[in-house]
Amino acid sequence: MSYQKLSELVIENDLCMDCGSCVAACPDDDLEMIDEKPQNPKKKCNHVEVTAACPRIFFDDDFNKKSVDAQKFHPFVGKYSDIFVGKTKNKDVLKVASGGGVVSTILINSIEKGLIDGTTVVDYNEEKPWEPVVKIVKTKKEIIKAAQSKYIIVPMNPVFRELVKKKGKFAVVLLPCQVQGLKKILKMDNDFSKKLRKKIGLVIALFCANNNHFDMTQFMFDKLNVKKENVSEINFRVTNIPGASQTGGFFVKLKNGEEKYFDKEYYNFLRHFFMMKGCKYCTDLTGEYADISVGDMWLSKYRDGNELPAMLITRTTRGKKVLDAAKNLIEFKKIPLNDLIECQIDSFLDRKFRTFQRLERKSKKGHFVTKYKMDRVKPGLELYNGWKVKNSDPGWIMSRIESVWEFLHNLKDSSVGRIFLKIIPLKVWHFFIHYFYRITFFVLRRKILTKD
């Protein structure tokens, strides 16, 4: 299948998550990421590799599990060795990083100890400081500069074409869908894939419930009465300014020195309007095929004031080696699997149950859907604190609720919808989304879970 088929089945069918795997895999560099979508400006790409690399055409869970040598397994989490909670001891990193600063610390230490020669990071464009860019860096200074979460989709995988031209081994920090694309590329039997296999020294996955297009950032600029051309700095997880909540918020500094702030609780609900539609069809929350997976720990018993620690999952021998090398630089301790599941239970239920219901709804409408070769979660699965799975089908009530979410997801695509988003106060939208979200997961939990 060629790019034309990829466009028909995935890109124009709301399955694409902009990972850029097809761009990386094209043997002749015919594809480009334009306006956050893989496009074929030269009209030349007819290579089968571009569809073979796409995780949203077909994804084989069994094959990719073979690249993870951990022995423990849970259907929500995938294969794993150990689970930790922790934060960096590096004060320079802690000042700027989010989620405990462990990713930056691991990367810096791995370079300094010669385990890798460099890493991919997402920084901001110096001329357009609202625009994220992918870079390959080799120094502590560059890693710290690029620290912090960016809640804008960034196609990471096209950078693989640069990696194969460089000397040494590199870490790649990716979202779960991007890791899936990487694994599909590495599976191929061609010169590019063989070269890339020699360059990948570490794969770190960041937990991801969904991601957003830039238009959500633009919407926040508009609400703050900010023109992006006047922006000198943005930060999506700032906590060290007066009035910031424990979970942080969207911070904007203008060229004239003026500062503006948008609390995270507001852009948490905005994601339901601006999230990428392809995110609705993802099955992987934690990056099940990486060496190390990292995400936020929200349980209060592990939090210390405003500091939000990270959860780390080691999955491979390589991941365990890298984390062990950084043990004196990270304050961490092992935690039970139950705490990980409890912390992320709603997102797990979304990924492992609602995703398949959405795929079934889409298929019944006559659309192509991703062929996932993986086992579905079965009734009887033990979760946490006596909770277990009683039913794997969310049922017709959730299907009706899903129809409302689809309406909300599509609201910004119409001129009338955009007017509603603009004129209705954020507090009203926040109230509605907050309680509808709670109702959604109350119903889902009642349908899926039971407690002994």
Protein backbone atom coordinates (compact mmCIF):
# COMPACT_ATOMS: atom_id res chain seq x y z
CA MET A 1 0.00 0.00 0.00
CA SER A 2 1.20 3.50 -0.87
CA TYR A 3 0.83 6.94 0.71
CA GLN A 4 -2.48 7.37 -1.11
CA LYS A 5 -3.86 4.36 0.74
CA LEU A 6 -2.37 5.57 4.03
CA SER A 7 -4.08 8.91 3.54
CA GLU A 8 -7.41 7.26 2.79
CA LEU A 9 -7.36 4.72 5.65
CA VAL A 10 -5.62 6.69 8.38
CA ILE A 11 -4.95 10.40 7.81
CA GLU A 12 -8.36 11.38 6.39
CA ASN A 13 -10.10 8.81 8.60
CA ASP A 14 -9.23 10.45 11.95
CA LEU A 15 -6.92 7.61 13.00
CA CYS A 16 -3.61 9.45 12.53
CA MET A 17 -1.81 10.60 15.69
CA ASP A 18 0.93 12.51 13.84
CA CYS A 19 3.79 10.34 15.09
CA GLY A 20 5.64 10.79 11.79
CA SER A 21 6.61 7.13 11.43
CA CYS A 22 5.56 7.14 7.78
CA VAL A 23 7.77 10.19 7.15
CA ALA A 24 10.75 8.45 8.76
CA ALA A 25 10.16 5.20 6.87
CA CYS A 26 9.85 6.66 3.35
CA PRO A 27 13.02 5.53 1.52
CA ASP A 28 13.19 8.61 -0.72
CA ASP A 29 12.26 11.28 1.86
CA ASP A 30 9.16 12.13 -0.17
CA LEU A 31 6.90 12.79 2.84
CA GLU A 32 6.87 15.83 5.12
CA MET A 33 4.97 16.89 8.23
CA ILE A 34 2.97 19.94 7.10
CA ASP A 35 0.31 21.54 9.32
CA GLU A 36 0.74 18.68 11.79
CA LYS A 37 -0.08 16.02 9.19
CA PRO A 38 2.09 13.74 7.02
CA GLN A 39 1.78 14.98 3.46
CA ASN A 40 3.17 14.05 0.07
CA PRO A 41 4.06 17.40 -1.58
CA LYS A 42 6.17 15.80 -4.31
CA LYS A 43 3.33 13.41 -5.22
CA LYS A 44 5.96 10.70 -5.65
CA CYS A 45 5.66 8.41 -2.64
CA ASN A 46 4.44 4.94 -3.58
CA HIS A 47 6.53 3.01 -1.08
CA VAL A 48 4.98 0.22 0.94
CA GLU A 49 7.20 1.16 3.88
CA VAL A 50 5.04 4.18 4.74
CA THR A 51 2.03 2.01 5.49
CA ALA A 52 4.09 -0.78 7.06
CA ALA A 53 5.45 1.74 9.58
CA CYS A 54 2.01 3.04 10.61
CA PRO A 55 0.73 1.66 13.94
CA ARG A 56 -2.80 2.63 12.98
CA ILE A 57 -2.97 0.25 10.01
CA PHE A 58 -2.05 -2.85 11.98
CA PHE A 59 -0.31 -3.44 15.30
CA ASP A 60 0.91 -6.82 16.58
CA ASP A 61 1.14 -6.79 20.36
CA ASP A 62 2.76 -10.24 20.51
CA PHE A 63 5.69 -9.30 18.27
CA ASN A 64 6.44 -6.09 20.13
CA LYS A 65 6.30 -7.79 23.53
CA LYS A 66 9.30 -9.82 22.39
CA SER A 67 11.40 -6.65 22.48
CA VAL A 68 10.61 -6.28 26.19
CA ASP A 69 12.40 -8.89 28.31
CA ALA A 70 10.66 -8.25 31.67
CA GLN A 71 8.89 -11.27 33.14
CA LYS A 72 5.96 -9.72 35.04
CA PHE A 73 2.82 -8.86 33.10
CA HIS A 74 -0.46 -7.05 33.67
CA PRO A 75 -2.97 -6.38 30.85
CA PHE A 76 -3.24 -2.71 31.84
CA VAL A 77 0.50 -2.06 32.16
CA GLY A 78 2.16 -4.57 29.82
CA LYS A 79 5.40 -6.35 30.70
CA TYR A 80 7.40 -4.81 33.53
CA SER A 81 10.22 -5.52 35.98
CA ASP A 82 9.73 -2.96 38.76
CA ILE A 83 7.68 0.16 39.49
CA PHE A 84 9.09 3.15 41.37
CA VAL A 85 8.06 6.58 42.53
CA GLY A 86 10.70 9.27 42.79
CA LYS A 87 12.15 12.67 42.02
CA THR A 88 15.55 14.02 41.07
CA LYS A 89 18.13 15.19 43.59
CA ASN A 90 19.57 17.58 41.00
CA LYS A 91 18.45 21.06 42.07
CA ASP A 92 19.18 22.57 38.65
CA VAL A 93 16.84 20.06 37.03
CA LEU A 94 14.19 20.29 39.75
CA LYS A 95 13.88 24.06 39.24
CA VAL A 96 12.70 23.69 35.65
CA ALA A 97 11.46 20.13 35.19
CA SER A 98 8.00 18.66 35.68
CA GLY A 99 7.08 15.23 37.01
CA GLY A 100 10.00 14.98 39.41
CA GLY A 101 12.66 15.73 36.81
CA VAL A 102 13.63 12.07 36.50
CA VAL A 103 13.71 11.93 32.69
CA SER A 104 16.16 14.82 32.43
CA THR A 105 18.31 13.32 35.20
CA ILE A 106 18.41 9.89 33.55
CA LEU A 107 19.38 11.43 30.20
CA ILE A 108 22.11 13.65 31.67
CA ASN A 109 23.60 10.81 33.72
CA SER A 110 23.48 8.34 30.83
CA ILE A 111 25.44 10.73 28.61
CA GLU A 112 27.98 11.55 31.34
CA LYS A 113 28.57 7.84 32.02
CA GLY A 114 28.89 6.96 28.33
CA LEU A 115 25.76 4.80 28.15
CA ILE A 116 24.49 6.97 25.30
CA ASP A 117 26.02 9.76 23.20
CA GLY A 118 22.98 12.01 22.99
CA THR A 119 19.21 12.18 23.10
CA THR A 120 16.18 13.60 21.39
CA VAL A 121 14.38 16.44 23.20
CA VAL A 122 11.56 18.84 22.48
CA ASP A 123 12.59 22.47 22.85
CA TYR A 124 11.04 25.70 21.60
CA ASN A 125 11.88 27.49 18.37
CA GLU A 126 14.05 30.47 19.34
CA GLU A 127 12.42 32.70 16.73
CA LYS A 128 8.91 31.41 17.43
CA PRO A 129 8.94 30.57 21.17
CA TRP A 130 5.40 29.16 21.07
CA GLU A 131 6.43 26.51 18.53
CA PRO A 132 7.96 23.21 19.76
CA VAL A 133 10.84 21.71 17.79
CA VAL A 134 12.63 18.37 17.97
CA LYS A 135 16.36 18.48 18.59
CA ILE A 136 19.20 15.99 19.04
CA VAL A 137 21.36 17.19 21.92
CA LYS A 138 24.46 15.97 23.79
CA THR A 139 24.95 18.24 26.81
CA LYS A 140 23.45 18.77 30.27
CA LYS A 141 22.78 22.43 29.46
CA GLU A 142 20.75 21.55 26.36
CA ILE A 143 18.71 18.90 28.21
CA ILE A 144 17.85 21.25 31.08
CA LYS A 145 16.91 24.00 28.62
CA ALA A 146 14.44 21.65 26.94
CA ALA A 147 12.92 20.31 30.18
CA GLN A 148 9.20 20.67 30.96
CA SER A 149 6.08 19.20 29.40
CA LYS A 150 4.77 20.56 26.12
CA TYR A 151 1.06 19.92 25.63
CA ILE A 152 1.20 20.22 21.87
CA ILE A 153 1.56 17.28 19.53
CA VAL A 154 5.13 17.07 18.25
CA PRO A 155 5.86 14.55 15.47
CA MET A 156 8.99 12.91 16.90
CA ASN A 157 9.71 10.02 14.59
CA PRO A 158 10.92 11.94 11.51
CA VAL A 159 14.06 12.70 13.56
CA PHE A 160 15.08 9.05 13.08
CA ARG A 161 16.36 9.99 9.62
CA GLU A 162 18.82 12.39 11.28
CA LEU A 163 19.83 9.87 13.95
CA VAL A 164 21.10 7.34 11.41
CA LYS A 165 23.54 9.96 10.06
CA LYS A 166 25.14 10.64 13.44
CA LYS A 167 27.86 8.77 15.30
CA GLY A 168 27.06 6.89 18.48
CA LYS A 169 23.95 5.67 20.27
CA PHE A 170 21.03 7.86 21.29
CA ALA A 171 18.10 7.91 23.65
CA VAL A 172 14.69 8.71 22.23
CA VAL A 173 11.95 10.14 24.46
CA LEU A 174 8.59 9.37 22.90
CA LEU A 175 4.88 9.08 23.53
CA PRO A 176 3.39 5.54 23.54
CA CYS A 177 2.03 5.83 19.98
CA GLN A 178 5.43 7.03 18.77
CA VAL A 179 7.11 4.04 20.44
CA GLN A 180 4.71 1.79 18.53
CA GLY A 181 5.78 3.43 15.28
CA LEU A 182 9.44 3.03 16.20
CA LYS A 183 8.93 -0.68 16.89
CA LYS A 184 7.27 -1.18 13.51
CA ILE A 185 10.16 0.57 11.74
CA LEU A 186 12.76 -1.49 13.62
CA LYS A 187 10.92 -4.65 12.57
CA MET A 188 11.48 -3.94 8.87
CA ASP A 189 14.24 -5.64 6.91
CA ASN A 190 15.83 -2.76 5.03
CA ASP A 191 19.01 -0.67 5.25
CA PHE A 192 17.37 2.22 7.10
CA SER A 193 15.91 -0.03 9.80
CA LYS A 194 19.20 -1.86 10.23
CA LYS A 195 21.05 1.45 10.69
CA LEU A 196 18.42 2.74 13.10
CA ARG A 197 18.64 -0.38 15.27
CA LYS A 198 22.32 0.39 15.81
CA LYS A 199 21.57 3.99 16.84
CA ILE A 200 18.85 3.45 19.47
CA GLY A 201 20.51 3.17 22.88
CA LEU A 202 17.48 3.82 25.08
CA VAL A 203 13.74 4.26 24.64
CA ILE A 204 11.85 6.28 27.27
CA ALA A 205 8.07 6.54 26.99
CA LEU A 206 5.98 9.24 28.66
CA PHE A 207 2.52 8.31 29.93
CA CYS A 208 -0.07 9.87 27.64
CA ALA A 209 -3.86 9.98 27.94
CA ASN A 210 -4.19 12.20 24.85
CA ASN A 211 -2.50 15.10 23.10
CA ASN A 212 -3.63 18.33 21.49
CA HIS A 213 -3.15 20.29 18.31
CA PHE A 214 -1.67 23.78 18.46
CA ASP A 215 -5.14 25.27 18.12
CA MET A 216 -5.68 24.63 21.85
CA THR A 217 -2.64 26.78 22.62
CA GLN A 218 -3.96 29.42 20.23
CA PHE A 219 -7.33 29.28 22.01
CA MET A 220 -5.59 29.96 25.33
CA PHE A 221 -3.65 32.84 23.77
CA ASP A 222 -6.97 34.30 22.62
CA LYS A 223 -8.54 33.94 26.06
CA LEU A 224 -5.54 35.73 27.56
CA ASN A 225 -5.71 38.44 24.85
CA VAL A 226 -2.24 37.50 23.67
CA LYS A 227 -0.90 37.62 20.13
CA LYS A 228 1.63 34.86 19.62
CA GLU A 229 3.96 37.27 17.82
CA ASN A 230 4.35 39.12 21.15
CA VAL A 231 5.24 35.99 23.14
CA SER A 232 8.79 35.55 24.46
CA GLU A 233 8.22 32.44 26.61
CA ILE A 234 5.56 29.84 27.39
CA ASN A 235 5.42 27.07 29.98
CA PHE A 236 2.69 24.45 30.29
CA ARG A 237 3.45 23.25 33.82
CA VAL A 238 4.68 26.26 35.78
CA THR A 239 4.21 26.00 39.57
CA ASN A 240 6.71 28.55 40.91
CA ILE A 241 4.71 31.76 40.38
CA PRO A 242 2.23 33.37 42.79
CA GLY A 243 -1.27 31.92 42.44
CA ALA A 244 -0.19 28.76 40.60
CA SER A 245 -1.93 25.56 41.68
CA GLN A 246 -0.13 22.40 42.78
CA THR A 247 -0.60 20.88 39.34
CA GLY A 248 0.76 23.97 37.60
CA GLY A 249 -0.64 25.98 34.75
CA PHE A 250 -0.09 27.65 31.39
CA PHE A 251 2.28 30.59 31.75
CA VAL A 252 2.96 33.21 29.09
CA LYS A 253 5.61 35.92 29.20
CA LEU A 254 5.39 38.70 26.64
CA LYS A 255 8.22 40.61 25.02
CA ASN A 256 7.25 43.71 27.02
CA GLY A 257 7.76 41.78 30.27
CA GLU A 258 4.07 41.26 31.04
CA GLU A 259 3.16 37.83 32.44
CA LYS A 260 -0.12 35.94 32.15
CA TYR A 261 -1.32 32.68 33.69
CA PHE A 262 -4.01 30.14 32.83
CA ASP A 263 -4.69 27.49 35.53
CA LYS A 264 -4.18 23.87 34.54
CA GLU A 265 -7.69 22.88 35.64
CA TYR A 266 -9.01 24.92 32.71
CA TYR A 267 -6.83 23.49 30.00
CA ASN A 268 -7.44 20.01 31.43
CA PHE A 269 -11.04 20.31 30.24
CA LEU A 270 -10.16 22.17 27.03
CA ARG A 271 -8.39 19.04 25.80
CA HIS A 272 -11.80 17.45 25.28
CA PHE A 273 -12.44 20.02 22.56
CA PHE A 274 -8.97 20.15 21.05
CA MET A 275 -7.57 16.65 21.52
CA MET A 276 -6.34 14.82 18.45
CA LYS A 277 -9.09 12.58 17.16
CA GLY A 278 -6.61 9.76 16.63
CA CYS A 279 -5.99 9.66 20.39
CA LYS A 280 -9.44 8.13 20.88
CA TYR A 281 -8.27 4.91 19.24
CA CYS A 282 -5.09 4.30 21.25
CA THR A 283 -4.71 1.24 23.51
CA ASP A 284 -1.45 2.17 25.27
CA LEU A 285 -1.36 4.60 28.20
CA THR A 286 2.07 3.87 29.67
CA GLY A 287 4.36 3.08 26.74
CA GLU A 288 4.33 -0.70 27.04
CA TYR A 289 7.15 -1.30 24.53
CA ALA A 290 9.77 1.11 25.92
CA ASP A 291 12.81 0.42 28.11
CA ILE A 292 11.52 2.80 30.79
CA SER A 293 8.10 4.43 31.11
CA VAL A 294 7.56 7.61 33.13
CA GLY A 295 4.40 9.40 34.28
CA ASP A 296 2.98 11.58 37.04
CA MET A 297 2.11 10.13 40.45
CA TRP A 298 -1.12 11.74 41.68
CA LEU A 299 -1.82 9.72 44.84
CA SER A 300 -1.62 12.05 47.84
CA LYS A 301 0.41 9.64 49.97
CA TYR A 302 3.37 10.05 47.61
CA ARG A 303 3.16 13.82 47.14
CA ASP A 304 5.10 16.43 49.06
CA GLY A 305 3.37 19.79 48.87
CA ASN A 306 3.63 21.28 45.39
CA GLU A 307 6.17 18.71 44.26
CA LEU A 308 4.67 16.10 41.97
CA PRO A 309 6.82 12.94 41.87
CA ALA A 310 7.16 10.63 38.91
CA MET A 311 6.30 6.98 38.47
CA LEU A 312 8.87 4.88 36.65
CA ILE A 313 8.35 1.46 35.12
CA THR A 314 11.41 -0.55 34.10
CA ARG A 315 10.68 -3.04 31.33
CA THR A 316 14.00 -4.21 29.90
CA THR A 317 17.50 -5.14 31.02
CA ARG A 318 18.74 -1.99 29.29
CA GLY A 319 16.22 0.14 31.18
CA LYS A 320 17.18 -1.40 34.54
CA LYS A 321 20.85 -0.76 33.82
CA VAL A 322 20.25 2.90 32.99
CA LEU A 323 18.11 3.50 36.07
CA ASP A 324 20.59 1.69 38.32
CA ALA A 325 23.35 3.95 36.99
CA ALA A 326 21.34 6.97 38.18
CA LYS A 327 20.36 5.57 41.59
CA ASN A 328 22.46 8.12 43.50
CA LEU A 329 20.91 11.02 41.59
CA ILE A 330 17.24 10.09 41.99
CA GLU A 331 15.38 9.69 45.26
CA PHE A 332 13.10 6.75 44.54
CA LYS A 333 11.47 3.70 46.09
CA LYS A 334 9.57 0.70 44.81
CA ILE A 335 5.80 0.82 44.90
CA PRO A 336 3.18 -1.91 44.35
CA LEU A 337 1.46 -2.35 41.01
CA ASN A 338 -1.85 -1.61 42.73
CA ASP A 339 -0.80 2.00 43.39
CA LEU A 340 0.06 2.57 39.74
CA ILE A 341 -3.31 1.21 38.64
CA GLU A 342 -5.22 3.18 41.29
CA CYS A 343 -3.45 6.39 40.29
CA GLN A 344 -4.33 5.99 36.60
CA ILE A 345 -7.51 3.90 36.79
CA ASP A 346 -9.76 6.14 34.68
CA SER A 347 -7.15 6.43 31.92
CA PHE A 348 -6.61 2.66 31.98
CA LEU A 349 -10.35 2.05 31.66
CA ASP A 350 -10.42 4.48 28.75
CA ARG A 351 -7.52 2.79 26.95
CA LYS A 352 -8.45 -0.83 27.56
CA PHE A 353 -12.25 -0.65 27.21
CA ARG A 354 -13.56 2.61 25.70
CA THR A 355 -11.00 2.47 22.87
CA PHE A 356 -12.38 -0.84 21.61
CA GLN A 357 -15.95 0.39 21.93
CA ARG A 358 -15.03 3.44 19.82
CA LEU A 359 -13.40 1.21 17.22
CA GLU A 360 -16.53 -0.94 17.05
CA ARG A 361 -18.73 2.14 16.68
CA LYS A 362 -16.50 3.45 13.90
CA SER A 363 -16.45 0.09 12.12
CA LYS A 364 -20.24 -0.17 12.21
CA LYS A 365 -20.39 3.15 10.36
CA GLY A 366 -18.41 1.57 7.52
CA HIS A 367 -15.02 3.12 8.29
CA PHE A 368 -11.67 1.37 8.32
CA VAL A 369 -10.36 0.80 11.86
CA THR A 370 -6.97 -0.21 13.22
CA LYS A 371 -6.37 -3.96 13.32
CA TYR A 372 -4.99 -4.60 16.80
CA LYS A 373 -3.64 -8.11 17.28
CA MET A 374 -3.84 -8.23 21.07
CA ASP A 375 -5.78 -9.95 23.81
CA ARG A 376 -8.71 -8.03 25.28
CA VAL A 377 -8.94 -7.64 29.05
CA LYS A 378 -11.03 -10.48 30.46
CA PRO A 379 -13.43 -10.55 33.43
CA GLY A 380 -11.82 -11.60 36.72
CA LEU A 381 -8.67 -9.48 36.35
CA GLU A 382 -7.48 -8.23 39.76
CA LEU A 383 -6.85 -4.48 39.90
CA TYR A 384 -6.41 -2.71 43.25
CA ASN A 385 -7.88 -2.66 46.77
CA GLY A 386 -10.27 -5.51 46.04
CA TRP A 387 -11.48 -4.11 42.70
CA LYS A 388 -11.53 -6.41 39.70
CA VAL A 389 -12.94 -6.53 36.19
CA LYS A 390 -16.45 -7.99 36.00
CA ASN A 391 -17.30 -7.16 32.38
CA SER A 392 -15.25 -6.28 29.29
CA ASP A 393 -18.12 -4.59 27.41
CA PRO A 394 -18.89 -0.96 28.41
CA GLY A 395 -22.46 -1.48 27.15
CA TRP A 396 -25.10 0.59 25.38
CA ILE A 397 -25.29 3.34 28.01
CA MET A 398 -21.60 4.11 27.51
CA SER A 399 -22.21 4.05 23.76
CA ARG A 400 -24.79 6.83 24.19
CA ILE A 401 -22.43 8.79 26.43
CA GLU A 402 -19.73 8.33 23.78
CA SER A 403 -22.02 10.03 21.27
CA VAL A 404 -22.03 13.16 23.46
CA TRP A 405 -18.23 13.09 23.72
CA GLU A 406 -17.99 12.79 19.92
CA PHE A 407 -20.19 15.87 19.61
CA LEU A 408 -17.89 17.79 21.98
CA HIS A 409 -14.76 16.59 20.17
CA ASN A 410 -16.19 17.85 16.88
CA LEU A 411 -17.52 21.15 18.20
CA LYS A 412 -14.53 23.24 17.14
CA ASP A 413 -14.76 21.92 13.56
CA SER A 414 -17.86 23.98 12.77
CA SER A 415 -18.22 27.76 12.67
CA VAL A 416 -21.21 27.62 15.04
CA GLY A 417 -19.30 25.39 17.43
CA ARG A 418 -16.35 27.78 17.48
CA ILE A 419 -18.72 30.63 18.35
CA PHE A 420 -20.11 28.63 21.28
CA LEU A 421 -16.59 27.87 22.51
CA LYS A 422 -15.72 31.55 22.30
CA ILE A 423 -18.78 33.17 23.88
CA ILE A 424 -19.61 30.69 26.66
CA PRO A 425 -17.49 31.52 29.75
CA LEU A 426 -14.75 29.06 30.63
CA LYS A 427 -16.22 28.54 34.10
CA VAL A 428 -19.45 27.29 32.51
CA TRP A 429 -17.61 24.92 30.20
CA HIS A 430 -15.44 23.77 33.10
CA PHE A 431 -18.49 23.03 35.25
CA PHE A 432 -20.20 21.05 32.48
CA ILE A 433 -17.15 19.05 31.38
CA HIS A 434 -16.03 18.36 34.95
CA TYR A 435 -19.34 16.79 35.96
CA PHE A 436 -19.99 15.05 32.66
CA TYR A 437 -16.52 13.50 32.95
CA ARG A 438 -17.34 12.31 36.47
CA ILE A 439 -20.64 10.86 35.30
CA THR A 440 -18.89 9.11 32.40
CA PHE A 441 -16.42 7.31 34.61
CA PHE A 442 -18.99 6.61 37.33
CA VAL A 443 -21.04 4.76 34.72
CA LEU A 444 -17.95 3.08 33.25
CA ARG A 445 -16.73 1.88 36.63
CA ARG A 446 -20.16 0.53 37.56
CA LYS A 447 -20.31 -1.35 34.25
CA ILE A 448 -16.73 -2.69 34.17
CA LEU A 449 -15.63 -3.08 37.80
CA THR A 450 -16.76 -4.93 40.89
CA LYS A 451 -15.41 -5.11 44.43
CA ASP A 452 -15.22 -8.18 46.64
